[in-house]
Amino acid sequence: MASGKPKKKNPRLASGRKRVRQDVKINAANTSLRSQYRTVVKNVEKAVAGGDKAKATELFGKMQSVVDSVSDKGVFHRNKAARDKSRLSAKVKALAAA
């Protein structure tokens, strides 16, 4: 009889309809930024796991700018960005020392 999710109602007010349109665009942009963030972090971790010092250092520099940019836009909290940068920095330094 009833499917899992209740059907969403369309907003009556013009401001509500506009808000829905904006939310779709913002959601798409945030999803893209979130994906980019995770990709650059993963690339640095792969370089560290592979033991490639030069590549890890280069990717870490690029990762920092992406992480700062995404956290400034509010997609991730700035403390999460700082924590991720700190942990990866420690891994890259340990790789360089070894």
C-alpha atoms as a PDB file:
ATOM      1  CA  MET A   1       0.000   0.000   0.000  1.00  0.00           C
ATOM      2  CA  ALA A   2       2.451   2.689   1.136  1.00  0.00           C
ATOM      3  CA  SER A   3       5.999   2.847  -0.208  1.00  0.00           C
ATOM      4  CA  GLY A   4       8.981   3.481   2.080  1.00  0.00           C
ATOM      5  CA  LYS A   5       9.353   7.251   1.880  1.00  0.00           C
ATOM      6  CA  PRO A   6       6.512   9.741   2.170  1.00  0.00           C
ATOM      7  CA  LYS A   7       6.060  11.882  -0.941  1.00  0.00           C
ATOM      8  CA  LYS A   8       7.619  15.335  -0.670  1.00  0.00           C
ATOM      9  CA  LYS A   9       5.209  18.212  -1.137  1.00  0.00           C
ATOM     10  CA  ASN A  10       6.055  21.144  -3.354  1.00  0.00           C
ATOM     11  CA  PRO A  11       6.401  24.439  -1.505  1.00  0.00           C
ATOM     12  CA  ARG A  12       3.516  26.828  -2.052  1.00  0.00           C
ATOM     13  CA  LEU A  13       5.366  30.073  -1.596  1.00  0.00           C
ATOM     14  CA  ALA A  14       7.624  31.451  -4.301  1.00  0.00           C
ATOM     15  CA  SER A  15      10.435  31.873  -1.789  1.00  0.00           C
ATOM     16  CA  GLY A  16      10.143  28.219  -0.850  1.00  0.00           C
ATOM     17  CA  ARG A  17      10.264  27.119  -4.488  1.00  0.00           C
ATOM     18  CA  LYS A  18      13.326  29.269  -5.046  1.00  0.00           C
ATOM     19  CA  ARG A  19      14.964  27.788  -1.950  1.00  0.00           C
ATOM     20  CA  VAL A  20      14.444  24.280  -3.353  1.00  0.00           C
ATOM     21  CA  ARG A  21      16.065  25.297  -6.661  1.00  0.00           C
ATOM     22  CA  GLN A  22      19.025  26.819  -4.809  1.00  0.00           C
ATOM     23  CA  ASP A  23      19.408  23.759  -2.585  1.00  0.00           C
ATOM     24  CA  VAL A  24      19.784  21.508  -5.625  1.00  0.00           C
ATOM     25  CA  LYS A  25      22.619  23.651  -7.013  1.00  0.00           C
ATOM     26  CA  ILE A  26      24.340  24.048  -3.644  1.00  0.00           C
ATOM     27  CA  ASN A  27      24.066  20.326  -2.931  1.00  0.00           C
ATOM     28  CA  ALA A  28      25.694  19.508  -6.275  1.00  0.00           C
ATOM     29  CA  ALA A  29      28.535  21.969  -5.652  1.00  0.00           C
ATOM     30  CA  ASN A  30      29.158  20.681  -2.126  1.00  0.00           C
ATOM     31  CA  THR A  31      29.142  17.073  -3.335  1.00  0.00           C
ATOM     32  CA  SER A  32      31.762  17.921  -5.941  1.00  0.00           C
ATOM     33  CA  LEU A  33      33.967  19.716  -3.405  1.00  0.00           C
ATOM     34  CA  ARG A  34      33.606  16.881  -0.893  1.00  0.00           C
ATOM     35  CA  SER A  35      34.670  14.383  -3.556  1.00  0.00           C
ATOM     36  CA  GLN A  36      37.658  16.512  -4.558  1.00  0.00           C
ATOM     37  CA  TYR A  37      38.724  16.775  -0.899  1.00  0.00           C
ATOM     38  CA  ARG A  38      38.591  13.022  -0.378  1.00  0.00           C
ATOM     39  CA  THR A  39      40.446  12.361  -3.631  1.00  0.00           C
ATOM     40  CA  VAL A  40      43.432  14.589  -2.835  1.00  0.00           C
ATOM     41  CA  VAL A  41      43.707  13.148   0.690  1.00  0.00           C
ATOM     42  CA  LYS A  42      43.573   9.626  -0.717  1.00  0.00           C
ATOM     43  CA  ASN A  43      46.266  10.450  -3.300  1.00  0.00           C
ATOM     44  CA  VAL A  44      48.676  11.625  -0.604  1.00  0.00           C
ATOM     45  CA  GLU A  45      47.981   8.515   1.483  1.00  0.00           C
ATOM     46  CA  LYS A  46      48.667   6.289  -1.548  1.00  0.00           C
ATOM     47  CA  ALA A  47      51.969   8.068  -2.230  1.00  0.00           C
ATOM     48  CA  VAL A  48      53.001   7.653   1.417  1.00  0.00           C
ATOM     49  CA  ALA A  49      52.016   3.973   1.372  1.00  0.00           C
ATOM     50  CA  GLY A  50      54.022   3.525  -1.830  1.00  0.00           C
ATOM     51  CA  GLY A  51      57.081   5.084  -0.201  1.00  0.00           C
ATOM     52  CA  ASP A  52      57.526   7.802  -2.853  1.00  0.00           C
ATOM     53  CA  LYS A  53      58.937  10.822  -0.970  1.00  0.00           C
ATOM     54  CA  ALA A  54      59.011  13.292  -3.861  1.00  0.00           C
ATOM     55  CA  LYS A  55      55.500  12.499  -5.059  1.00  0.00           C
ATOM     56  CA  ALA A  56      54.079  12.532  -1.522  1.00  0.00           C
ATOM     57  CA  THR A  57      55.618  15.940  -0.819  1.00  0.00           C
ATOM     58  CA  GLU A  58      54.338  17.376  -4.085  1.00  0.00           C
ATOM     59  CA  LEU A  59      50.826  15.995  -3.597  1.00  0.00           C
ATOM     60  CA  PHE A  60      50.791  17.193   0.019  1.00  0.00           C
ATOM     61  CA  GLY A  61      51.335  20.777  -1.142  1.00  0.00           C
ATOM     62  CA  LYS A  62      48.416  20.540  -3.563  1.00  0.00           C
ATOM     63  CA  MET A  63      46.298  18.813  -0.929  1.00  0.00           C
ATOM     64  CA  GLN A  64      46.799  21.667   1.528  1.00  0.00           C
ATOM     65  CA  SER A  65      45.382  24.262  -0.856  1.00  0.00           C
ATOM     66  CA  VAL A  66      42.342  22.111  -1.713  1.00  0.00           C
ATOM     67  CA  VAL A  67      41.648  21.309   1.942  1.00  0.00           C
ATOM     68  CA  ASP A  68      41.902  24.974   2.955  1.00  0.00           C
ATOM     69  CA  SER A  69      39.652  26.029   0.096  1.00  0.00           C
ATOM     70  CA  VAL A  70      36.977  23.455   0.941  1.00  0.00           C
ATOM     71  CA  SER A  71      37.036  24.253   4.659  1.00  0.00           C
ATOM     72  CA  ASP A  72      36.780  28.001   3.925  1.00  0.00           C
ATOM     73  CA  LYS A  73      33.597  27.300   1.970  1.00  0.00           C
ATOM     74  CA  GLY A  74      32.159  25.454   4.961  1.00  0.00           C
ATOM     75  CA  VAL A  75      31.840  22.022   3.380  1.00  0.00           C
ATOM     76  CA  PHE A  76      33.980  20.535   6.158  1.00  0.00           C
ATOM     77  CA  HIS A  77      34.696  22.072   9.540  1.00  0.00           C
ATOM     78  CA  ARG A  78      38.023  23.886   9.764  1.00  0.00           C
ATOM     79  CA  ASN A  79      39.106  21.658  12.665  1.00  0.00           C
ATOM     80  CA  LYS A  80      38.602  18.554  10.525  1.00  0.00           C
ATOM     81  CA  ALA A  81      40.680  20.128   7.765  1.00  0.00           C
ATOM     82  CA  ALA A  82      43.442  21.021  10.225  1.00  0.00           C
ATOM     83  CA  ARG A  83      43.360  17.526  11.717  1.00  0.00           C
ATOM     84  CA  ASP A  84      43.647  15.869   8.296  1.00  0.00           C
ATOM     85  CA  LYS A  85      46.503  18.159   7.259  1.00  0.00           C
ATOM     86  CA  SER A  86      48.321  17.512  10.526  1.00  0.00           C
ATOM     87  CA  ARG A  87      48.041  13.731  10.280  1.00  0.00           C
ATOM     88  CA  LEU A  88      49.150  13.638   6.661  1.00  0.00           C
ATOM     89  CA  SER A  89      51.997  16.046   7.367  1.00  0.00           C
ATOM     90  CA  ALA A  90      53.257  13.695  10.081  1.00  0.00           C
ATOM     91  CA  LYS A  91      53.097  10.751   7.657  1.00  0.00           C
ATOM     92  CA  VAL A  92      54.980  12.657   4.944  1.00  0.00           C
ATOM     93  CA  LYS A  93      57.654  13.791   7.430  1.00  0.00           C
ATOM     94  CA  ALA A  94      58.062  10.260   8.755  1.00  0.00           C
ATOM     95  CA  LEU A  95      58.493   9.053   5.172  1.00  0.00           C
ATOM     96  CA  ALA A  96      61.135  11.711   4.508  1.00  0.00           C
ATOM     97  CA  ALA A  97      62.996  10.828   7.725  1.00  0.00           C
ATOM     98  CA  ALA A  98      63.023   7.107   6.939  1.00  0.00           C
END
